[in-house]
Amino acid sequence: MQYLYISSMSGFSGKSLITLGLGLLLRERGLSIGYIKPYGRIPLKRDGRIIDADAEFMRKALEISEPPEVVSPFVATVELRDHLLKGLPSDRFADVRKALDAIRGKDVVLVGGAADLFEGSTFGIDSLKLIRHLDAATLVVEPWNGESSIDAIAGAKELLRSSFMGAVINKVPQAAHDYVKNAVRPFLEKSGIPVYAALHRDILLDSITVRQLNEILDGRVICCEEGLDEFIDSFSIGAMDVDSALKYFRRTPNKAVITGAHRADIQIAAHETSTKCIILTGGPYTNDVIVSKAMATGTPVISVHYDTYSTVEKIESVLGKIRIREQKKVTKSKEIMEKEFDFSRLLTGLKLR
């Protein structure tokens, strides 16, 4: 049984979607797969247990036979962190090892890493420790952030040594694609670092639904609930004069417009362009004319109690954490991995062919 650890040197790298794509492709090729996320961060209560929400989604998407408590043996809740700081026993390595021991008879077990190699150290379940315990082949997923990403990947190779299998460069902007392909990737290969893929940034995979946005902001949907599952690609702040706003809105498709509830002029301008939702800040005030226009176009209008600045700050604080739980993202991830990822090289490296 082979362990493939999907790790990173930085958070929000896209590990989960890459893990999901790999799992689907491995299963399609007739290989039996397991999955475990040793360190969870998104508590979900299920049948009296706390499990990780993303791990549970992956368990279902990959049709994993093991129960939730095996797939998600530990979740870092506020209560557990409080216990940690009070000096109470916090080492959870035995719990994770028990879950790992319960996964048997698989060709490949995918292990979803934490935000980086060190997260979970205070609970005794950081990625470095688990990789060494499992003697797991480790794939490092690094989002492209310029030359610092090269150092991060090279540093991962030094830290992981013989466990290091190679890297995936993820979320490469279109403007940097040729540079990464023709300069960075060959350089890393010559340095003894296999690069299994350099994946371009995909709008859908980085997007958020109107429903998710409403949940983040604890908003009130005024109309057009049927549009809550539409995807938002970008955000526009309507704090300018209406002529400038209209010019900007026309250049920005599939957006959410954030503006004060009193700015009816901005809201009308938003309805004249490609807008997925309008966020009204500063209170419950609504304009019947705006609501009528929204209902005519099917564009959700959401009211939040924050002011515009606080609303934008709230969105920015969680955007990097938007998760994988939409079927469109599952399908898209698989398509990208099938097209761009060097799957044959992976199977050879894992000695599965």
Protein backbone atom coordinates (compact mmCIF):
# COMPACT_ATOMS: atom_id res chain seq x y z
CA MET A 1 0.00 0.00 0.00
CA GLN A 2 1.43 3.34 -1.11
CA TYR A 3 0.91 6.64 0.71
CA LEU A 4 0.82 9.80 -1.39
CA TYR A 5 1.01 12.88 0.81
CA ILE A 6 -0.23 16.11 -0.80
CA SER A 7 1.50 18.96 0.99
CA SER A 8 2.48 22.59 0.54
CA MET A 9 4.82 25.25 1.85
CA SER A 10 2.05 27.85 2.01
CA GLY A 11 -1.68 27.98 2.66
CA PHE A 12 -4.47 28.15 0.07
CA SER A 13 -2.33 26.46 -2.55
CA GLY A 14 -5.15 24.41 -4.10
CA LYS A 15 -4.11 21.08 -2.56
CA SER A 16 -7.66 19.86 -2.03
CA LEU A 17 -8.75 20.23 -5.64
CA ILE A 18 -5.55 18.61 -6.89
CA THR A 19 -6.00 15.75 -4.41
CA LEU A 20 -9.58 15.33 -5.57
CA GLY A 21 -8.57 15.30 -9.24
CA LEU A 22 -5.83 12.74 -8.56
CA GLY A 23 -8.21 10.53 -6.61
CA LEU A 24 -10.80 10.52 -9.38
CA LEU A 25 -8.16 9.70 -12.01
CA LEU A 26 -6.63 6.91 -9.92
CA ARG A 27 -10.06 5.38 -9.36
CA GLU A 28 -10.88 5.59 -13.07
CA ARG A 29 -7.79 3.50 -13.77
CA GLY A 30 -9.09 0.72 -11.55
CA LEU A 31 -6.91 1.43 -8.53
CA SER A 32 -8.38 1.18 -5.04
CA ILE A 33 -7.87 4.39 -3.10
CA GLY A 34 -8.10 5.59 0.47
CA TYR A 35 -8.16 9.11 1.77
CA ILE A 36 -7.42 10.76 5.12
CA LYS A 37 -7.09 14.34 6.30
CA PRO A 38 -5.14 14.13 9.57
CA TYR A 39 -5.48 17.81 10.50
CA GLY A 40 -8.87 19.41 9.96
CA ARG A 41 -9.76 23.07 10.31
CA ILE A 42 -13.47 23.32 9.39
CA PRO A 43 -15.58 21.72 12.15
CA LEU A 44 -18.73 19.91 11.07
CA LYS A 45 -20.95 18.09 13.55
CA ARG A 46 -22.14 14.75 12.21
CA ASP A 47 -23.80 12.02 14.32
CA GLY A 48 -22.45 13.50 17.54
CA ARG A 49 -18.89 13.73 16.21
CA ILE A 50 -16.83 16.69 15.05
CA ILE A 51 -15.27 16.04 11.65
CA ASP A 52 -13.72 18.26 8.99
CA ALA A 53 -16.23 19.52 6.41
CA ASP A 54 -13.80 19.31 3.48
CA ALA A 55 -12.71 15.81 4.48
CA GLU A 56 -16.33 14.67 4.54
CA PHE A 57 -16.91 16.15 1.10
CA MET A 58 -13.82 14.35 -0.23
CA ARG A 59 -14.95 11.08 1.38
CA LYS A 60 -18.22 11.24 -0.53
CA ALA A 61 -16.77 12.56 -3.80
CA LEU A 62 -14.13 9.82 -3.91
CA GLU A 63 -16.55 7.14 -2.65
CA ILE A 64 -14.26 6.25 0.26
CA SER A 65 -15.56 3.26 2.22
CA GLU A 66 -14.02 4.20 5.58
CA PRO A 67 -16.28 6.07 8.04
CA PRO A 68 -15.98 9.83 8.72
CA GLU A 69 -14.04 9.37 11.97
CA VAL A 70 -11.29 7.53 10.07
CA VAL A 71 -11.11 10.01 7.20
CA SER A 72 -11.14 12.95 9.64
CA PRO A 73 -9.55 11.85 12.92
CA PHE A 74 -8.79 15.35 14.26
CA VAL A 75 -10.22 18.86 13.88
CA ALA A 76 -8.62 21.88 15.54
CA THR A 77 -11.60 23.49 17.29
CA VAL A 78 -11.54 26.60 19.47
CA GLU A 79 -12.06 24.40 22.55
CA LEU A 80 -9.06 22.22 21.74
CA ARG A 81 -6.88 25.28 21.21
CA ASP A 82 -8.00 26.63 24.57
CA HIS A 83 -7.05 23.30 26.19
CA LEU A 84 -3.68 23.48 24.48
CA LEU A 85 -2.94 26.96 25.83
CA LYS A 86 -3.99 25.88 29.32
CA GLY A 87 -1.36 23.17 29.24
CA LEU A 88 -3.73 20.21 29.02
CA PRO A 89 -2.56 17.08 27.13
CA SER A 90 -2.74 17.86 23.42
CA ASP A 91 -0.73 15.27 21.50
CA ARG A 92 -3.07 13.62 18.98
CA PHE A 93 -0.58 11.46 17.15
CA ALA A 94 -2.04 8.26 18.64
CA ASP A 95 -5.52 9.18 17.35
CA VAL A 96 -4.23 9.83 13.83
CA ARG A 97 -2.11 6.67 13.84
CA LYS A 98 -5.17 4.63 14.85
CA ALA A 99 -7.12 6.09 11.93
CA LEU A 100 -4.27 5.38 9.53
CA ASP A 101 -4.08 1.78 10.75
CA ALA A 102 -7.79 1.38 9.98
CA ILE A 103 -7.17 2.00 6.26
CA ARG A 104 -6.15 -1.29 4.71
CA GLY A 105 -5.95 -3.05 1.39
CA LYS A 106 -5.68 0.03 -0.83
CA ASP A 107 -3.39 0.55 -3.78
CA VAL A 108 -2.93 4.22 -2.85
CA VAL A 109 -3.87 6.23 0.23
CA LEU A 110 -4.09 9.96 -0.44
CA VAL A 111 -3.18 12.04 2.60
CA GLY A 112 -4.40 15.64 2.59
CA GLY A 113 -1.78 17.85 4.18
CA ALA A 114 -2.38 20.88 6.40
CA ALA A 115 -1.73 24.48 5.32
CA ASP A 116 2.05 23.91 5.40
CA LEU A 117 4.56 21.33 6.59
CA PHE A 118 4.51 22.65 10.17
CA GLU A 119 0.84 23.25 10.97
CA GLY A 120 -0.29 20.80 13.62
CA SER A 121 3.08 20.70 15.40
CA THR A 122 1.55 21.69 18.76
CA PHE A 123 -0.81 18.72 18.48
CA GLY A 124 1.97 16.33 17.43
CA ILE A 125 0.56 15.78 13.93
CA ASP A 126 2.45 18.14 11.64
CA SER A 127 3.03 16.99 8.08
CA LEU A 128 6.76 16.46 8.52
CA LYS A 129 6.18 14.01 11.36
CA LEU A 130 3.42 12.14 9.55
CA ILE A 131 5.37 11.92 6.29
CA ARG A 132 8.30 10.35 8.13
CA HIS A 133 6.03 7.99 10.06
CA LEU A 134 4.35 6.77 6.86
CA ASP A 135 7.46 6.94 4.69
CA ALA A 136 5.07 8.64 2.28
CA ALA A 137 5.91 9.85 -1.20
CA THR A 138 5.18 13.59 -1.02
CA LEU A 139 3.90 15.88 -3.73
CA VAL A 140 4.32 19.58 -2.92
CA VAL A 141 1.72 21.96 -4.35
CA GLU A 142 2.92 25.55 -4.53
CA PRO A 143 0.91 28.51 -5.86
CA TRP A 144 2.90 30.74 -8.19
CA ASN A 145 4.05 33.85 -6.33
CA GLY A 146 7.03 34.76 -8.44
CA GLU A 147 10.59 33.69 -7.67
CA SER A 148 9.73 33.02 -4.01
CA SER A 149 7.84 29.94 -5.21
CA ILE A 150 11.07 28.52 -6.63
CA ASP A 151 12.73 28.89 -3.23
CA ALA A 152 9.73 27.32 -1.50
CA ILE A 153 9.84 24.24 -3.73
CA ALA A 154 13.63 23.90 -3.38
CA GLY A 155 13.27 24.29 0.39
CA ALA A 156 10.63 21.56 0.49
CA LYS A 157 13.03 19.22 -1.30
CA GLU A 158 15.70 19.89 1.32
CA LEU A 159 13.29 19.34 4.22
CA LEU A 160 11.65 16.22 2.87
CA ARG A 161 14.77 14.61 1.38
CA SER A 162 14.02 11.09 0.14
CA SER A 163 10.26 11.53 0.71
CA PHE A 164 10.11 14.38 -1.80
CA MET A 165 8.51 13.12 -4.99
CA GLY A 166 8.14 16.37 -6.89
CA ALA A 167 6.09 19.51 -7.24
CA VAL A 168 3.02 21.02 -8.83
CA ILE A 169 3.13 24.74 -9.60
CA ASN A 170 -0.44 25.91 -9.22
CA LYS A 171 -2.50 29.03 -9.96
CA VAL A 172 -0.14 30.39 -12.61
CA PRO A 173 -1.53 33.66 -14.04
CA GLN A 174 -1.82 33.85 -17.81
CA ALA A 175 0.82 36.60 -17.94
CA ALA A 176 3.38 34.32 -16.24
CA HIS A 177 2.49 31.10 -18.07
CA ASP A 178 5.24 31.22 -20.72
CA TYR A 179 7.88 32.19 -18.16
CA VAL A 180 6.96 29.32 -15.85
CA LYS A 181 6.75 26.86 -18.74
CA ASN A 182 9.95 27.85 -20.56
CA ALA A 183 12.22 29.02 -17.74
CA VAL A 184 11.08 27.96 -14.28
CA ARG A 185 9.97 24.40 -15.00
CA PRO A 186 13.14 23.43 -16.96
CA PHE A 187 15.30 25.00 -14.21
CA LEU A 188 13.61 22.94 -11.50
CA GLU A 189 13.86 19.74 -13.55
CA LYS A 190 17.60 20.34 -14.06
CA SER A 191 17.87 20.84 -10.28
CA GLY A 192 16.49 17.36 -9.67
CA ILE A 193 12.95 18.51 -8.90
CA PRO A 194 10.30 16.71 -10.98
CA VAL A 195 7.48 19.08 -11.92
CA TYR A 196 4.29 17.11 -12.57
CA ALA A 197 2.29 20.11 -13.75
CA ALA A 198 2.24 23.88 -14.03
CA LEU A 199 -1.47 24.62 -13.74
CA HIS A 200 -2.90 27.93 -14.87
CA ARG A 201 -5.14 29.94 -12.60
CA ASP A 202 -8.73 28.98 -13.34
CA ILE A 203 -11.52 31.47 -12.73
CA LEU A 204 -14.07 28.81 -11.78
CA LEU A 205 -11.81 27.11 -9.25
CA ASP A 206 -11.05 30.45 -7.61
CA SER A 207 -14.65 31.63 -7.66
CA ILE A 208 -17.28 31.74 -4.94
CA THR A 209 -21.04 31.29 -5.15
CA VAL A 210 -23.52 33.99 -4.16
CA ARG A 211 -24.80 31.59 -1.51
CA GLN A 212 -21.33 31.21 0.03
CA LEU A 213 -20.87 34.97 0.00
CA ASN A 214 -24.18 35.47 1.79
CA GLU A 215 -23.19 32.93 4.44
CA ILE A 216 -19.84 34.66 4.99
CA LEU A 217 -21.54 38.03 5.46
CA ASP A 218 -24.50 36.68 7.46
CA GLY A 219 -26.68 38.60 5.04
CA ARG A 220 -30.40 38.75 4.34
CA VAL A 221 -31.55 37.81 0.84
CA ILE A 222 -34.06 40.40 -0.29
CA CYS A 223 -34.96 38.77 -3.60
CA CYS A 224 -34.01 36.24 -6.29
CA GLU A 225 -32.95 33.24 -4.20
CA GLU A 226 -32.88 31.23 -7.42
CA GLY A 227 -29.61 32.99 -8.29
CA LEU A 228 -27.73 32.04 -5.13
CA ASP A 229 -25.80 29.20 -6.76
CA GLU A 230 -24.31 31.42 -9.48
CA PHE A 231 -20.53 31.85 -9.40
CA ILE A 232 -18.87 35.21 -8.73
CA ASP A 233 -15.57 35.84 -10.51
CA SER A 234 -14.75 39.29 -9.10
CA PHE A 235 -15.87 42.09 -6.81
CA SER A 236 -16.56 45.77 -7.49
CA ILE A 237 -17.01 48.48 -4.89
CA GLY A 238 -19.59 51.09 -5.84
CA ALA A 239 -18.21 54.12 -4.02
CA MET A 240 -17.51 56.32 -7.06
CA ASP A 241 -19.63 58.57 -9.24
CA VAL A 242 -22.12 56.70 -11.38
CA ASP A 243 -20.47 57.44 -14.76
CA SER A 244 -17.11 56.07 -13.60
CA ALA A 245 -18.85 53.11 -12.00
CA LEU A 246 -20.70 52.22 -15.19
CA LYS A 247 -17.49 52.24 -17.24
CA TYR A 248 -15.79 50.00 -14.69
CA PHE A 249 -18.78 47.66 -14.34
CA ARG A 250 -18.89 47.12 -18.11
CA ARG A 251 -15.31 45.84 -18.06
CA THR A 252 -15.94 43.43 -15.17
CA PRO A 253 -18.15 40.40 -15.93
CA ASN A 254 -19.78 38.02 -13.43
CA LYS A 255 -19.18 40.32 -10.48
CA ALA A 256 -20.65 41.12 -7.10
CA VAL A 257 -21.20 44.82 -6.57
CA ILE A 258 -20.78 46.08 -3.00
CA THR A 259 -22.33 49.47 -2.33
CA GLY A 260 -24.26 51.46 0.24
CA ALA A 261 -27.98 50.78 0.52
CA HIS A 262 -28.62 54.46 -0.23
CA ARG A 263 -26.69 54.41 -3.57
CA ALA A 264 -29.61 53.64 -5.89
CA ASP A 265 -27.69 55.14 -8.83
CA ILE A 266 -24.86 52.62 -8.43
CA GLN A 267 -27.31 49.76 -8.03
CA ILE A 268 -29.12 50.70 -11.26
CA ALA A 269 -25.75 50.88 -13.08
CA ALA A 270 -24.88 47.42 -11.76
CA HIS A 271 -28.11 45.98 -13.17
CA GLU A 272 -27.18 47.28 -16.62
CA THR A 273 -24.02 45.13 -16.70
CA SER A 274 -22.97 41.52 -16.01
CA THR A 275 -23.66 41.36 -12.27
CA LYS A 276 -24.27 38.18 -10.27
CA CYS A 277 -25.43 39.89 -7.07
CA ILE A 278 -25.63 43.25 -5.30
CA ILE A 279 -24.54 43.59 -1.68
CA LEU A 280 -26.25 46.49 0.10
CA THR A 281 -24.24 47.68 3.09
CA GLY A 282 -25.13 49.74 6.12
CA GLY A 283 -28.58 48.55 7.06
CA PRO A 284 -31.93 47.18 5.93
CA TYR A 285 -32.97 50.06 3.65
CA THR A 286 -34.10 48.92 0.19
CA ASN A 287 -35.50 50.66 -2.84
CA ASP A 288 -38.59 49.13 -4.47
CA VAL A 289 -37.41 50.23 -7.92
CA ILE A 290 -34.08 48.40 -7.41
CA VAL A 291 -35.84 45.27 -6.18
CA SER A 292 -38.10 45.32 -9.24
CA LYS A 293 -35.07 45.59 -11.54
CA ALA A 294 -33.35 42.76 -9.68
CA MET A 295 -36.39 40.51 -10.02
CA ALA A 296 -36.56 41.28 -13.74
CA THR A 297 -32.94 40.16 -14.24
CA GLY A 298 -32.90 37.41 -11.57
CA THR A 299 -30.03 39.11 -9.74
CA PRO A 300 -29.98 38.45 -5.96
CA VAL A 301 -29.91 41.50 -3.70
CA ILE A 302 -28.42 40.93 -0.26
CA SER A 303 -28.55 43.28 2.69
CA VAL A 304 -25.77 43.23 5.32
CA HIS A 305 -25.42 45.19 8.53
CA TYR A 306 -21.70 45.98 7.99
CA ASP A 307 -20.54 49.22 6.38
CA THR A 308 -18.87 48.96 2.96
CA TYR A 309 -15.30 48.96 4.31
CA SER A 310 -16.05 46.26 6.88
CA THR A 311 -17.87 44.18 4.28
CA VAL A 312 -14.88 44.25 1.93
CA GLU A 313 -12.55 43.44 4.83
CA LYS A 314 -14.72 40.46 5.82
CA ILE A 315 -14.71 39.09 2.26
CA GLU A 316 -10.95 39.53 1.87
CA SER A 317 -10.31 37.70 5.15
CA VAL A 318 -11.94 34.51 3.89
CA LEU A 319 -11.54 34.54 0.10
CA GLY A 320 -8.41 32.39 0.17
CA LYS A 321 -10.28 29.83 2.26
CA ILE A 322 -13.14 29.23 -0.14
CA ARG A 323 -13.54 25.50 -0.39
CA ILE A 324 -14.17 22.85 -2.96
CA ARG A 325 -17.74 21.84 -2.28
CA GLU A 326 -19.40 22.47 -5.65
CA GLN A 327 -19.90 19.82 -8.32
CA LYS A 328 -18.81 22.22 -11.06
CA LYS A 329 -15.42 22.57 -9.34
CA VAL A 330 -15.11 18.80 -8.99
CA THR A 331 -15.70 18.32 -12.70
CA LYS A 332 -13.40 21.17 -13.68
CA SER A 333 -10.60 19.95 -11.42
CA LYS A 334 -10.71 16.49 -12.97
CA GLU A 335 -10.66 17.96 -16.49
CA ILE A 336 -7.63 20.12 -15.74
CA MET A 337 -5.70 17.32 -14.03
CA GLU A 338 -6.45 14.90 -16.87
CA LYS A 339 -5.16 17.38 -19.42
CA GLU A 340 -2.21 19.00 -17.62
CA PHE A 341 -0.87 16.57 -15.00
CA ASP A 342 1.85 14.05 -15.86
CA PHE A 343 -0.11 11.10 -14.55
CA SER A 344 2.06 8.41 -16.17
CA ARG A 345 5.10 9.83 -14.39
CA LEU A 346 3.21 9.71 -11.08
CA LEU A 347 2.23 6.06 -11.54
CA THR A 348 5.83 5.18 -12.38
CA GLY A 349 7.09 7.05 -9.32
CA LEU A 350 4.63 5.22 -7.09
CA LYS A 351 5.58 1.90 -8.74
CA LEU A 352 2.00 1.31 -9.82
CA ARG A 353 2.87 0.43 -13.42
